[in-house]
Amino acid sequence: MKTTLLALLLAAPLCLAGESGFTPLFDGEALHGWTLLPRERPSGQWRFEGAALVVDGRPGHLASDEEYGDFDLRLEWKIGPMGNGGVFFRVAAPGNPASTAIEFQIADNARKASVENPNRRSGAAYGLYAPAGDASRPPGEWNSLRIVAQGRHVEHWLNGRKVVAFEIGSADFRRRVAAKFPGRAGFATARRGRIVLQDHGSKVWFRNVRIQVLD
C-alpha cells in the first residue's frame, strides 16, 4: 500500500479561477489527506498522469481523511468507453461505501447497464434518482461534477446543469431506498462523512478536486 501511495507524487491541480472559498483536496506534492481503502484482492493502481489522478483496476477506493457535513464539492472527470465509476459522500461507516452512502454515478451512458437503467447514468444518485436528461460528454472528454449537500437537501450537477435534487429522509427517498437497497438500515443517514472516489475496474481520471465547506 505504501508503494502505491508513494507512486502518486506529483503537482496537484489548482482551484479554477473565480471560485473563491474553495480548497484543493490534492496538496501539490503528494496525496496527503487521502487514505486507500484496501481490497482483499487488489488489482491495478491509483496514479497521476499530468494534472489528473487516475484509477485503473480495483486497487481500493480512495477516501478523504477529512469528514464533511454541508459542502459544495467540485471536480472534473473523464472515463473510457463502457466505463463505470463514482463519487460517494458522507461516508461514515467502515466497509463498502455503496452499502451506506449515496453515489454520484460516473459512467459511459452507452454501456448496457446505463441504457437499461436511467438511475445508473452519469449524474444519477446511483440506483435512486435518474438524471434529468443526458448532460454527459462522450468517453475521453472531460466532464464537470458538482455535489451540493446542505442538511437533508442534495443536488447533483453535471457540466453546469442541475440533473438531480432530493431530500434525504423524505417519504420519496425512503421508498426508493427500500426498493433498491432492502435491508440496509441507516443508509445515507450520516450527517457527516468522508468523500470517496470509487474504484470499479474501469479507468477513470479526476482533476481539479476542490471543496467549499458550508456548515
N, C-alpha and C. Protein backbone atom coordinates (compact mmCIF):
# COMPACT_ATOMS: atom_id res chain seq x y z
N MET A 1 0.83 -1.20 0.00
CA MET A 1 0.00 0.00 0.00
C MET A 1 0.87 1.26 0.00
N LYS A 2 1.96 1.27 0.80
CA LYS A 2 2.85 2.42 0.86
C LYS A 2 3.45 2.71 -0.50
N THR A 3 3.82 1.63 -1.21
CA THR A 3 4.40 1.82 -2.53
C THR A 3 3.41 2.48 -3.47
N THR A 4 2.13 2.05 -3.39
CA THR A 4 1.11 2.61 -4.25
C THR A 4 0.93 4.10 -3.98
N LEU A 5 0.87 4.49 -2.71
CA LEU A 5 0.65 5.89 -2.37
C LEU A 5 1.86 6.74 -2.72
N LEU A 6 3.07 6.20 -2.52
CA LEU A 6 4.27 6.97 -2.86
C LEU A 6 4.35 7.21 -4.36
N ALA A 7 3.75 6.32 -5.13
CA ALA A 7 3.77 6.48 -6.59
C ALA A 7 2.90 7.63 -7.05
N LEU A 8 2.10 8.21 -6.13
CA LEU A 8 1.18 9.27 -6.52
C LEU A 8 1.79 10.67 -6.39
N LEU A 9 3.10 10.76 -6.19
CA LEU A 9 3.75 12.06 -6.05
C LEU A 9 3.67 12.84 -7.36
N LEU A 10 3.14 14.06 -7.28
CA LEU A 10 3.11 14.93 -8.45
C LEU A 10 2.41 16.22 -8.07
N ALA A 11 2.61 17.24 -8.84
CA ALA A 11 1.94 18.51 -8.56
C ALA A 11 0.44 18.34 -8.72
N ALA A 12 -0.31 18.94 -7.80
CA ALA A 12 -1.76 18.81 -7.83
C ALA A 12 -2.37 19.96 -8.61
N PRO A 13 -3.59 19.75 -9.14
CA PRO A 13 -4.27 20.82 -9.85
C PRO A 13 -4.68 21.93 -8.90
N LEU A 14 -4.80 23.12 -9.44
CA LEU A 14 -5.20 24.27 -8.65
C LEU A 14 -6.70 24.50 -8.80
N CYS A 15 -7.29 25.29 -7.86
CA CYS A 15 -8.67 25.70 -8.00
C CYS A 15 -8.83 26.52 -9.27
N LEU A 16 -9.99 26.40 -9.89
CA LEU A 16 -10.24 27.18 -11.08
C LEU A 16 -10.48 28.63 -10.71
N ALA A 17 -10.15 29.52 -11.64
CA ALA A 17 -10.30 30.95 -11.39
C ALA A 17 -11.76 31.29 -11.09
N GLY A 18 -11.97 32.26 -10.21
CA GLY A 18 -13.32 32.72 -9.92
C GLY A 18 -14.06 31.88 -8.90
N GLU A 19 -13.38 30.96 -8.24
CA GLU A 19 -14.04 30.10 -7.26
C GLU A 19 -13.44 30.34 -5.88
N SER A 20 -13.59 31.53 -5.38
CA SER A 20 -13.05 31.84 -4.06
C SER A 20 -13.78 31.03 -3.00
N GLY A 21 -13.04 30.66 -1.96
CA GLY A 21 -13.63 29.89 -0.88
C GLY A 21 -13.47 28.40 -1.02
N PHE A 22 -12.91 27.94 -2.14
CA PHE A 22 -12.72 26.52 -2.35
C PHE A 22 -11.30 26.10 -1.97
N THR A 23 -11.20 24.91 -1.42
CA THR A 23 -9.92 24.35 -1.01
C THR A 23 -9.58 23.15 -1.87
N PRO A 24 -8.39 23.10 -2.50
CA PRO A 24 -8.00 21.92 -3.26
C PRO A 24 -7.84 20.72 -2.33
N LEU A 25 -8.24 19.56 -2.80
CA LEU A 25 -8.12 18.34 -1.98
C LEU A 25 -6.88 17.53 -2.33
N PHE A 26 -6.07 18.00 -3.29
CA PHE A 26 -4.74 17.46 -3.50
C PHE A 26 -3.77 18.59 -3.22
N ASP A 27 -2.73 18.34 -2.44
CA ASP A 27 -1.92 19.43 -1.89
C ASP A 27 -0.76 19.89 -2.76
N GLY A 28 -0.54 19.30 -3.91
CA GLY A 28 0.51 19.76 -4.81
C GLY A 28 1.82 19.02 -4.69
N GLU A 29 1.98 18.18 -3.67
CA GLU A 29 3.23 17.44 -3.50
C GLU A 29 2.99 15.93 -3.44
N ALA A 30 1.92 15.52 -2.78
CA ALA A 30 1.61 14.10 -2.65
C ALA A 30 0.13 13.99 -2.32
N LEU A 31 -0.33 12.79 -2.16
CA LEU A 31 -1.75 12.56 -1.90
C LEU A 31 -2.01 12.62 -0.40
N HIS A 32 -1.50 13.67 0.25
CA HIS A 32 -1.76 13.85 1.67
C HIS A 32 -3.25 14.11 1.88
N GLY A 33 -3.78 13.58 2.97
CA GLY A 33 -5.19 13.80 3.27
C GLY A 33 -6.11 12.76 2.69
N TRP A 34 -5.54 11.73 2.07
CA TRP A 34 -6.34 10.66 1.47
C TRP A 34 -5.81 9.30 1.95
N THR A 35 -6.71 8.34 2.06
CA THR A 35 -6.35 7.00 2.51
C THR A 35 -6.90 5.97 1.54
N LEU A 36 -6.07 5.02 1.17
CA LEU A 36 -6.51 3.92 0.33
C LEU A 36 -7.28 2.92 1.18
N LEU A 37 -8.48 2.57 0.75
CA LEU A 37 -9.28 1.56 1.44
C LEU A 37 -9.00 0.23 0.76
N PRO A 38 -8.21 -0.63 1.37
CA PRO A 38 -7.71 -1.82 0.67
C PRO A 38 -8.80 -2.84 0.37
N ARG A 39 -8.62 -3.50 -0.74
CA ARG A 39 -9.47 -4.63 -1.12
C ARG A 39 -8.78 -5.93 -0.72
N GLU A 40 -9.56 -7.00 -0.62
CA GLU A 40 -8.99 -8.30 -0.27
C GLU A 40 -8.08 -8.81 -1.38
N ARG A 41 -8.49 -8.57 -2.63
CA ARG A 41 -7.65 -8.97 -3.77
C ARG A 41 -7.48 -7.76 -4.70
N PRO A 42 -6.61 -6.83 -4.35
CA PRO A 42 -6.46 -5.61 -5.14
C PRO A 42 -5.83 -5.87 -6.49
N SER A 43 -6.17 -5.00 -7.44
CA SER A 43 -5.54 -5.04 -8.76
C SER A 43 -5.45 -3.60 -9.28
N GLY A 44 -4.50 -3.34 -10.16
CA GLY A 44 -4.34 -2.01 -10.70
C GLY A 44 -3.79 -1.04 -9.67
N GLN A 45 -3.98 0.25 -9.92
CA GLN A 45 -3.40 1.26 -9.04
C GLN A 45 -4.06 2.62 -9.26
N TRP A 46 -3.83 3.51 -8.28
CA TRP A 46 -4.07 4.94 -8.43
C TRP A 46 -2.73 5.58 -8.80
N ARG A 47 -2.75 6.50 -9.74
CA ARG A 47 -1.51 7.18 -10.13
C ARG A 47 -1.87 8.53 -10.74
N PHE A 48 -0.87 9.39 -10.89
CA PHE A 48 -1.07 10.66 -11.56
C PHE A 48 -0.60 10.55 -13.00
N GLU A 49 -1.38 11.16 -13.89
CA GLU A 49 -0.98 11.37 -15.29
C GLU A 49 -1.11 12.86 -15.54
N GLY A 50 0.02 13.57 -15.58
CA GLY A 50 -0.03 15.02 -15.68
C GLY A 50 -0.73 15.59 -14.47
N ALA A 51 -1.76 16.38 -14.68
CA ALA A 51 -2.50 17.00 -13.58
C ALA A 51 -3.66 16.15 -13.10
N ALA A 52 -3.85 14.98 -13.67
CA ALA A 52 -5.02 14.16 -13.35
C ALA A 52 -4.64 12.95 -12.50
N LEU A 53 -5.48 12.64 -11.55
CA LEU A 53 -5.37 11.42 -10.76
C LEU A 53 -6.17 10.33 -11.46
N VAL A 54 -5.57 9.18 -11.67
CA VAL A 54 -6.19 8.12 -12.45
C VAL A 54 -6.29 6.85 -11.63
N VAL A 55 -7.45 6.20 -11.72
CA VAL A 55 -7.59 4.85 -11.16
C VAL A 55 -7.78 3.89 -12.32
N ASP A 56 -7.08 2.78 -12.25
CA ASP A 56 -7.18 1.75 -13.29
C ASP A 56 -7.21 0.40 -12.58
N GLY A 57 -8.30 -0.32 -12.69
CA GLY A 57 -8.46 -1.59 -11.99
C GLY A 57 -9.24 -1.42 -10.70
N ARG A 58 -8.90 -2.26 -9.72
CA ARG A 58 -9.57 -2.23 -8.41
C ARG A 58 -8.53 -2.24 -7.29
N PRO A 59 -7.78 -1.15 -7.16
CA PRO A 59 -6.76 -1.11 -6.10
C PRO A 59 -7.34 -0.81 -4.72
N GLY A 60 -8.59 -0.40 -4.67
CA GLY A 60 -9.23 0.04 -3.43
C GLY A 60 -9.76 1.45 -3.61
N HIS A 61 -10.89 1.76 -2.97
CA HIS A 61 -11.42 3.12 -3.03
C HIS A 61 -10.43 4.08 -2.37
N LEU A 62 -10.53 5.35 -2.72
CA LEU A 62 -9.67 6.38 -2.14
C LEU A 62 -10.55 7.33 -1.34
N ALA A 63 -10.29 7.43 -0.02
CA ALA A 63 -11.16 8.19 0.88
C ALA A 63 -10.43 9.39 1.47
N SER A 64 -11.12 10.51 1.55
CA SER A 64 -10.55 11.69 2.21
C SER A 64 -10.42 11.39 3.70
N ASP A 65 -9.35 11.85 4.31
CA ASP A 65 -9.21 11.70 5.75
C ASP A 65 -10.19 12.61 6.49
N GLU A 66 -10.47 13.75 5.89
CA GLU A 66 -11.39 14.72 6.50
C GLU A 66 -12.83 14.30 6.27
N GLU A 67 -13.67 14.58 7.25
CA GLU A 67 -15.11 14.35 7.10
C GLU A 67 -15.81 15.67 6.83
N TYR A 68 -16.87 15.62 6.02
CA TYR A 68 -17.59 16.82 5.64
C TYR A 68 -19.09 16.62 5.87
N GLY A 69 -19.74 17.69 6.29
CA GLY A 69 -21.18 17.67 6.51
C GLY A 69 -21.89 18.39 5.38
N ASP A 70 -21.97 19.72 5.47
CA ASP A 70 -22.53 20.55 4.40
C ASP A 70 -21.38 21.07 3.55
N PHE A 71 -21.49 20.93 2.24
CA PHE A 71 -20.35 21.27 1.38
C PHE A 71 -20.80 21.48 -0.06
N ASP A 72 -19.91 22.05 -0.83
CA ASP A 72 -20.03 22.17 -2.28
C ASP A 72 -18.76 21.55 -2.84
N LEU A 73 -18.88 20.36 -3.41
CA LEU A 73 -17.74 19.62 -3.96
C LEU A 73 -17.74 19.74 -5.47
N ARG A 74 -16.59 20.05 -6.03
CA ARG A 74 -16.47 20.16 -7.48
C ARG A 74 -15.22 19.44 -7.96
N LEU A 75 -15.33 18.82 -9.11
CA LEU A 75 -14.17 18.19 -9.74
C LEU A 75 -14.47 17.97 -11.21
N GLU A 76 -13.46 17.57 -11.94
CA GLU A 76 -13.61 17.19 -13.34
C GLU A 76 -13.24 15.72 -13.48
N TRP A 77 -13.94 15.03 -14.37
CA TRP A 77 -13.67 13.61 -14.58
C TRP A 77 -13.84 13.26 -16.06
N LYS A 78 -13.18 12.18 -16.44
CA LYS A 78 -13.44 11.56 -17.73
C LYS A 78 -13.27 10.07 -17.58
N ILE A 79 -13.82 9.33 -18.51
CA ILE A 79 -13.87 7.88 -18.39
C ILE A 79 -13.67 7.24 -19.76
N GLY A 80 -13.21 6.00 -19.76
CA GLY A 80 -13.03 5.28 -21.01
C GLY A 80 -14.34 4.67 -21.50
N PRO A 81 -14.35 4.15 -22.74
CA PRO A 81 -15.55 3.53 -23.29
C PRO A 81 -16.08 2.41 -22.41
N MET A 82 -17.39 2.41 -22.20
CA MET A 82 -18.12 1.43 -21.40
C MET A 82 -17.71 1.45 -19.93
N GLY A 83 -17.08 2.53 -19.50
CA GLY A 83 -16.58 2.61 -18.13
C GLY A 83 -17.65 2.93 -17.11
N ASN A 84 -17.25 2.74 -15.84
CA ASN A 84 -18.17 2.92 -14.71
C ASN A 84 -17.36 3.34 -13.49
N GLY A 85 -17.81 4.35 -12.78
CA GLY A 85 -17.15 4.80 -11.56
C GLY A 85 -18.13 5.63 -10.74
N GLY A 86 -17.60 6.33 -9.74
CA GLY A 86 -18.50 7.15 -8.95
C GLY A 86 -17.78 7.89 -7.84
N VAL A 87 -18.53 8.80 -7.21
CA VAL A 87 -18.05 9.56 -6.06
C VAL A 87 -19.08 9.43 -4.95
N PHE A 88 -18.65 8.91 -3.81
CA PHE A 88 -19.53 8.80 -2.64
C PHE A 88 -19.27 9.99 -1.71
N PHE A 89 -20.28 10.32 -0.90
CA PHE A 89 -20.10 11.40 0.07
C PHE A 89 -20.82 11.07 1.37
N ARG A 90 -20.35 11.72 2.45
CA ARG A 90 -20.82 11.44 3.80
C ARG A 90 -20.69 9.95 4.13
N VAL A 91 -19.53 9.41 3.80
CA VAL A 91 -19.24 8.00 4.12
C VAL A 91 -18.69 7.96 5.54
N ALA A 92 -19.48 7.46 6.47
CA ALA A 92 -19.11 7.49 7.88
C ALA A 92 -18.84 6.11 8.47
N ALA A 93 -19.27 5.07 7.79
CA ALA A 93 -19.14 3.71 8.32
C ALA A 93 -18.03 2.96 7.61
N PRO A 94 -17.39 2.00 8.27
CA PRO A 94 -16.38 1.18 7.61
C PRO A 94 -17.02 0.24 6.59
N GLY A 95 -16.20 -0.37 5.77
CA GLY A 95 -16.72 -1.31 4.79
C GLY A 95 -17.02 -0.63 3.46
N ASN A 96 -17.82 -1.29 2.66
CA ASN A 96 -18.14 -0.83 1.31
C ASN A 96 -19.03 0.41 1.37
N PRO A 97 -18.58 1.58 0.85
CA PRO A 97 -19.42 2.77 0.91
C PRO A 97 -20.74 2.63 0.18
N ALA A 98 -20.81 1.73 -0.81
CA ALA A 98 -22.06 1.53 -1.54
C ALA A 98 -23.18 1.03 -0.63
N SER A 99 -22.81 0.46 0.51
CA SER A 99 -23.82 -0.06 1.44
C SER A 99 -24.36 1.00 2.38
N THR A 100 -23.68 2.16 2.45
CA THR A 100 -24.05 3.14 3.47
C THR A 100 -24.24 4.55 2.94
N ALA A 101 -23.75 4.86 1.74
CA ALA A 101 -23.71 6.25 1.31
C ALA A 101 -24.19 6.40 -0.14
N ILE A 102 -24.58 7.63 -0.46
CA ILE A 102 -25.06 7.96 -1.80
C ILE A 102 -23.88 8.10 -2.75
N GLU A 103 -24.10 7.66 -3.97
CA GLU A 103 -23.06 7.72 -5.00
C GLU A 103 -23.50 8.62 -6.15
N PHE A 104 -22.65 9.58 -6.51
CA PHE A 104 -22.81 10.32 -7.76
C PHE A 104 -22.25 9.41 -8.85
N GLN A 105 -23.13 8.92 -9.72
CA GLN A 105 -22.72 7.96 -10.74
C GLN A 105 -21.90 8.62 -11.84
N ILE A 106 -20.79 7.98 -12.18
CA ILE A 106 -19.97 8.35 -13.33
C ILE A 106 -20.00 7.14 -14.27
N ALA A 107 -20.33 7.38 -15.55
CA ALA A 107 -20.47 6.23 -16.45
C ALA A 107 -20.44 6.68 -17.90
N ASP A 108 -20.11 5.74 -18.76
CA ASP A 108 -20.38 5.89 -20.19
C ASP A 108 -21.84 5.49 -20.36
N ASN A 109 -22.68 6.43 -20.71
CA ASN A 109 -24.11 6.14 -20.79
C ASN A 109 -24.48 5.18 -21.91
N ALA A 110 -23.51 4.83 -22.76
CA ALA A 110 -23.77 3.85 -23.81
C ALA A 110 -23.65 2.42 -23.32
N ARG A 111 -23.11 2.23 -22.10
CA ARG A 111 -22.98 0.86 -21.59
C ARG A 111 -24.37 0.29 -21.29
N LYS A 112 -24.47 -1.03 -21.33
CA LYS A 112 -25.76 -1.71 -21.23
C LYS A 112 -26.52 -1.34 -19.95
N ALA A 113 -25.81 -1.33 -18.80
CA ALA A 113 -26.47 -1.07 -17.53
C ALA A 113 -27.08 0.32 -17.49
N SER A 114 -26.42 1.30 -18.13
CA SER A 114 -26.94 2.67 -18.14
C SER A 114 -28.06 2.84 -19.15
N VAL A 115 -27.97 2.15 -20.27
CA VAL A 115 -29.05 2.20 -21.26
C VAL A 115 -30.34 1.65 -20.65
N GLU A 116 -30.22 0.54 -19.94
CA GLU A 116 -31.40 -0.13 -19.40
C GLU A 116 -31.90 0.47 -18.09
N ASN A 117 -31.03 1.19 -17.36
CA ASN A 117 -31.40 1.73 -16.05
C ASN A 117 -31.02 3.21 -15.99
N PRO A 118 -31.97 4.12 -16.18
CA PRO A 118 -31.66 5.55 -16.15
C PRO A 118 -30.98 6.01 -14.86
N ASN A 119 -31.28 5.32 -13.74
CA ASN A 119 -30.65 5.74 -12.49
C ASN A 119 -29.23 5.19 -12.32
N ARG A 120 -28.66 4.70 -13.42
CA ARG A 120 -27.25 4.33 -13.46
C ARG A 120 -26.50 5.12 -14.52
N ARG A 121 -27.06 6.26 -14.89
CA ARG A 121 -26.42 7.13 -15.87
C ARG A 121 -25.65 8.23 -15.18
N SER A 122 -24.72 8.84 -15.89
CA SER A 122 -23.89 9.89 -15.31
C SER A 122 -24.74 10.99 -14.68
N GLY A 123 -24.39 11.34 -13.44
CA GLY A 123 -25.12 12.37 -12.71
C GLY A 123 -26.17 11.81 -11.79
N ALA A 124 -26.54 10.55 -11.95
CA ALA A 124 -27.58 9.94 -11.11
C ALA A 124 -27.11 9.81 -9.67
N ALA A 125 -28.07 9.77 -8.76
CA ALA A 125 -27.82 9.24 -7.43
C ALA A 125 -28.02 7.75 -7.60
N TYR A 126 -26.92 7.01 -7.67
CA TYR A 126 -26.93 5.63 -8.15
C TYR A 126 -28.07 4.80 -7.55
N GLY A 127 -28.86 4.22 -8.44
CA GLY A 127 -29.93 3.32 -8.04
C GLY A 127 -31.16 4.00 -7.47
N LEU A 128 -31.10 5.33 -7.31
CA LEU A 128 -32.20 6.04 -6.64
C LEU A 128 -32.86 7.07 -7.54
N TYR A 129 -32.09 8.01 -8.05
CA TYR A 129 -32.65 9.10 -8.85
C TYR A 129 -31.90 9.22 -10.17
N ALA A 130 -32.66 9.14 -11.26
CA ALA A 130 -32.09 9.30 -12.59
C ALA A 130 -31.85 10.77 -12.88
N PRO A 131 -30.83 11.09 -13.67
CA PRO A 131 -30.61 12.49 -14.04
C PRO A 131 -31.68 12.99 -14.99
N ALA A 132 -31.93 14.28 -14.95
CA ALA A 132 -32.89 14.91 -15.86
C ALA A 132 -32.21 15.13 -17.21
N GLY A 133 -32.29 14.14 -18.07
CA GLY A 133 -31.65 14.21 -19.38
C GLY A 133 -30.19 13.79 -19.32
N ASP A 134 -29.56 13.77 -20.48
CA ASP A 134 -28.16 13.35 -20.59
C ASP A 134 -27.29 14.59 -20.80
N ALA A 135 -26.63 15.02 -19.72
CA ALA A 135 -25.75 16.18 -19.79
C ALA A 135 -24.29 15.77 -19.93
N SER A 136 -24.03 14.48 -20.04
CA SER A 136 -22.65 13.99 -20.07
C SER A 136 -22.01 14.19 -21.43
N ARG A 137 -20.67 14.17 -21.43
CA ARG A 137 -19.91 14.23 -22.66
C ARG A 137 -19.38 12.84 -22.98
N PRO A 138 -18.98 12.58 -24.21
CA PRO A 138 -18.55 11.23 -24.61
C PRO A 138 -17.31 10.77 -23.85
N PRO A 139 -17.09 9.46 -23.80
CA PRO A 139 -15.87 8.93 -23.19
C PRO A 139 -14.63 9.60 -23.77
N GLY A 140 -13.67 9.88 -22.88
CA GLY A 140 -12.45 10.54 -23.29
C GLY A 140 -12.49 12.05 -23.19
N GLU A 141 -13.68 12.62 -22.95
CA GLU A 141 -13.81 14.07 -22.80
C GLU A 141 -14.06 14.40 -21.33
N TRP A 142 -13.58 15.57 -20.90
CA TRP A 142 -13.73 15.99 -19.51
C TRP A 142 -15.14 16.46 -19.22
N ASN A 143 -15.64 16.07 -18.06
CA ASN A 143 -16.93 16.49 -17.53
C ASN A 143 -16.71 17.19 -16.20
N SER A 144 -17.60 18.12 -15.85
CA SER A 144 -17.54 18.75 -14.55
C SER A 144 -18.64 18.18 -13.65
N LEU A 145 -18.25 17.85 -12.44
CA LEU A 145 -19.15 17.31 -11.41
C LEU A 145 -19.27 18.32 -10.30
N ARG A 146 -20.49 18.44 -9.77
CA ARG A 146 -20.71 19.28 -8.60
C ARG A 146 -21.74 18.60 -7.71
N ILE A 147 -21.42 18.46 -6.43
CA ILE A 147 -22.36 17.94 -5.43
C ILE A 147 -22.54 19.02 -4.37
N VAL A 148 -23.76 19.42 -4.15
CA VAL A 148 -24.09 20.37 -3.09
C VAL A 148 -24.94 19.64 -2.06
N ALA A 149 -24.45 19.58 -0.83
CA ALA A 149 -25.18 18.93 0.25
C ALA A 149 -25.34 19.93 1.40
N GLN A 150 -26.59 20.25 1.72
CA GLN A 150 -26.89 21.16 2.83
C GLN A 150 -28.01 20.55 3.65
N GLY A 151 -27.64 20.03 4.81
CA GLY A 151 -28.62 19.31 5.62
C GLY A 151 -29.12 18.10 4.86
N ARG A 152 -30.44 17.99 4.74
CA ARG A 152 -31.02 16.85 4.02
C ARG A 152 -31.09 17.08 2.52
N HIS A 153 -30.90 18.33 2.08
CA HIS A 153 -31.05 18.64 0.66
C HIS A 153 -29.75 18.37 -0.10
N VAL A 154 -29.87 17.66 -1.21
CA VAL A 154 -28.71 17.30 -2.04
C VAL A 154 -29.01 17.63 -3.50
N GLU A 155 -28.01 18.19 -4.17
CA GLU A 155 -28.10 18.45 -5.60
C GLU A 155 -26.91 17.84 -6.32
N HIS A 156 -27.16 17.23 -7.47
CA HIS A 156 -26.11 16.76 -8.36
C HIS A 156 -26.13 17.64 -9.61
N TRP A 157 -24.95 18.18 -9.94
CA TRP A 157 -24.80 18.99 -11.14
C TRP A 157 -23.81 18.30 -12.08
N LEU A 158 -24.09 18.36 -13.37
CA LEU A 158 -23.20 17.77 -14.38
C LEU A 158 -23.03 18.76 -15.52
N ASN A 159 -21.79 19.16 -15.73
CA ASN A 159 -21.48 20.11 -16.81
C ASN A 159 -22.33 21.37 -16.73
N GLY A 160 -22.46 21.91 -15.51
CA GLY A 160 -23.17 23.16 -15.29
C GLY A 160 -24.67 23.05 -15.24
N ARG A 161 -25.19 21.85 -15.27
CA ARG A 161 -26.65 21.64 -15.29
C ARG A 161 -27.06 20.82 -14.08
N LYS A 162 -28.06 21.31 -13.34
CA LYS A 162 -28.57 20.54 -12.20
C LYS A 162 -29.42 19.39 -12.74
N VAL A 163 -28.98 18.17 -12.46
CA VAL A 163 -29.64 17.00 -13.04
C VAL A 163 -30.42 16.18 -12.01
N VAL A 164 -30.10 16.36 -10.72
CA VAL A 164 -30.78 15.62 -9.66
C VAL A 164 -30.89 16.52 -8.44
N ALA A 165 -32.04 16.46 -7.75
CA ALA A 165 -32.21 17.13 -6.46
C ALA A 165 -33.18 16.30 -5.63
N PHE A 166 -32.85 16.12 -4.36
CA PHE A 166 -33.70 15.30 -3.50
C PHE A 166 -33.48 15.66 -2.04
N GLU A 167 -34.36 15.15 -1.19
CA GLU A 167 -34.28 15.36 0.25
C GLU A 167 -34.04 14.02 0.94
N ILE A 168 -32.90 13.88 1.59
CA ILE A 168 -32.62 12.66 2.33
C ILE A 168 -33.64 12.52 3.46
N GLY A 169 -34.21 11.35 3.59
CA GLY A 169 -35.17 11.09 4.66
C GLY A 169 -36.60 11.39 4.32
N SER A 170 -36.85 11.98 3.14
CA SER A 170 -38.22 12.24 2.72
C SER A 170 -38.93 10.91 2.44
N ALA A 171 -40.26 10.95 2.35
CA ALA A 171 -41.02 9.74 2.06
C ALA A 171 -40.59 9.14 0.72
N ASP A 172 -40.38 10.01 -0.27
CA ASP A 172 -39.95 9.53 -1.58
C ASP A 172 -38.58 8.89 -1.51
N PHE A 173 -37.66 9.51 -0.78
CA PHE A 173 -36.32 8.96 -0.63
C PHE A 173 -36.37 7.61 0.06
N ARG A 174 -37.11 7.50 1.15
CA ARG A 174 -37.19 6.23 1.88
C ARG A 174 -37.80 5.13 1.01
N ARG A 175 -38.77 5.48 0.19
CA ARG A 175 -39.39 4.49 -0.69
C ARG A 175 -38.38 3.96 -1.70
N ARG A 176 -37.60 4.86 -2.26
CA ARG A 176 -36.61 4.45 -3.26
C ARG A 176 -35.50 3.61 -2.64
N VAL A 177 -35.05 3.99 -1.45
CA VAL A 177 -34.02 3.21 -0.76
C VAL A 177 -34.52 1.82 -0.43
N ALA A 178 -35.74 1.72 0.05
CA ALA A 178 -36.31 0.41 0.40
C ALA A 178 -36.42 -0.49 -0.83
N ALA A 179 -36.70 0.10 -1.99
CA ALA A 179 -36.84 -0.69 -3.22
C ALA A 179 -35.48 -1.12 -3.77
N LYS A 180 -34.50 -0.22 -3.72
CA LYS A 180 -33.20 -0.52 -4.32
C LYS A 180 -32.26 -1.21 -3.36
N PHE A 181 -32.29 -0.80 -2.08
CA PHE A 181 -31.35 -1.33 -1.09
C PHE A 181 -32.10 -1.93 0.11
N PRO A 182 -32.89 -2.95 -0.11
CA PRO A 182 -33.66 -3.51 1.00
C PRO A 182 -32.75 -4.06 2.10
N GLY A 183 -33.15 -3.79 3.33
CA GLY A 183 -32.40 -4.33 4.46
C GLY A 183 -31.20 -3.50 4.87
N ARG A 184 -30.94 -2.38 4.20
CA ARG A 184 -29.80 -1.54 4.56
C ARG A 184 -30.25 -0.45 5.53
N ALA A 185 -30.46 -0.82 6.75
CA ALA A 185 -30.88 0.15 7.77
C ALA A 185 -29.80 1.21 7.95
N GLY A 186 -30.21 2.45 8.04
CA GLY A 186 -29.27 3.53 8.25
C GLY A 186 -28.61 4.04 6.99
N PHE A 187 -29.06 3.59 5.82
CA PHE A 187 -28.44 4.04 4.57
C PHE A 187 -28.56 5.56 4.44
N ALA A 188 -27.44 6.23 4.21
CA ALA A 188 -27.37 7.67 3.96
C ALA A 188 -27.89 8.52 5.11
N THR A 189 -27.85 7.99 6.33
CA THR A 189 -28.33 8.78 7.47
C THR A 189 -27.21 9.56 8.16
N ALA A 190 -25.96 9.31 7.80
CA ALA A 190 -24.85 10.02 8.44
C ALA A 190 -24.90 11.50 8.10
N ARG A 191 -24.72 12.33 9.10
CA ARG A 191 -24.75 13.79 8.90
C ARG A 191 -23.40 14.29 8.37
N ARG A 192 -22.33 13.57 8.66
CA ARG A 192 -21.00 13.91 8.19
C ARG A 192 -20.30 12.64 7.73
N GLY A 193 -19.32 12.80 6.87
CA GLY A 193 -18.55 11.63 6.44
C GLY A 193 -17.50 12.01 5.42
N ARG A 194 -16.81 11.00 4.92
CA ARG A 194 -15.69 11.19 4.01
C ARG A 194 -16.16 11.24 2.56
N ILE A 195 -15.36 11.91 1.73
CA ILE A 195 -15.52 11.84 0.28
C ILE A 195 -14.75 10.61 -0.19
N VAL A 196 -15.35 9.80 -1.04
CA VAL A 196 -14.70 8.58 -1.51
C VAL A 196 -14.77 8.52 -3.03
N LEU A 197 -13.59 8.37 -3.66
CA LEU A 197 -13.50 8.15 -5.10
C LEU A 197 -13.47 6.64 -5.33
N GLN A 198 -14.38 6.19 -6.14
CA GLN A 198 -14.58 4.74 -6.31
C GLN A 198 -13.61 4.13 -7.30
N ASP A 199 -13.16 2.91 -6.99
CA ASP A 199 -12.53 2.06 -7.99
C ASP A 199 -13.58 1.03 -8.41
N HIS A 200 -13.73 0.84 -9.71
CA HIS A 200 -14.78 -0.10 -10.15
C HIS A 200 -14.32 -0.92 -11.34
N GLY A 201 -13.00 -1.04 -11.50
CA GLY A 201 -12.48 -1.84 -12.60
C GLY A 201 -12.27 -1.08 -13.89
N SER A 202 -12.80 0.15 -13.96
CA SER A 202 -12.67 0.97 -15.16
C SER A 202 -11.58 2.02 -14.95
N LYS A 203 -11.06 2.53 -16.05
CA LYS A 203 -10.10 3.61 -15.97
C LYS A 203 -10.85 4.94 -15.91
N VAL A 204 -10.63 5.68 -14.82
CA VAL A 204 -11.32 6.95 -14.60
C VAL A 204 -10.27 7.99 -14.21
N TRP A 205 -10.39 9.19 -14.77
CA TRP A 205 -9.50 10.30 -14.48
C TRP A 205 -10.23 11.34 -13.64
N PHE A 206 -9.54 11.92 -12.64
CA PHE A 206 -10.09 13.00 -11.83
C PHE A 206 -9.07 14.14 -11.81
N ARG A 207 -9.56 15.38 -11.83
CA ARG A 207 -8.67 16.53 -11.67
C ARG A 207 -9.47 17.70 -11.09
N ASN A 208 -8.73 18.72 -10.62
CA ASN A 208 -9.34 19.92 -10.05
C ASN A 208 -10.36 19.59 -8.96
N VAL A 209 -9.99 18.68 -8.08
CA VAL A 209 -10.88 18.29 -6.98
C VAL A 209 -10.77 19.35 -5.89
N ARG A 210 -11.89 19.96 -5.54
CA ARG A 210 -11.89 21.05 -4.58
C ARG A 210 -13.21 21.10 -3.84
N ILE A 211 -13.22 21.72 -2.67
CA ILE A 211 -14.42 21.71 -1.85
C ILE A 211 -14.56 23.04 -1.11
N GLN A 212 -15.81 23.43 -0.89
CA GLN A 212 -16.12 24.56 -0.05
C GLN A 212 -17.02 24.06 1.08
N VAL A 213 -16.58 24.27 2.31
CA VAL A 213 -17.38 23.84 3.46
C VAL A 213 -18.48 24.85 3.70
N LEU A 214 -19.70 24.39 3.88
CA LEU A 214 -20.85 25.27 4.01
C LEU A 214 -21.43 25.30 5.42
N ASP A 215 -20.98 24.40 6.32
CA ASP A 215 -21.58 24.35 7.64
C ASP A 215 -20.73 25.08 8.66
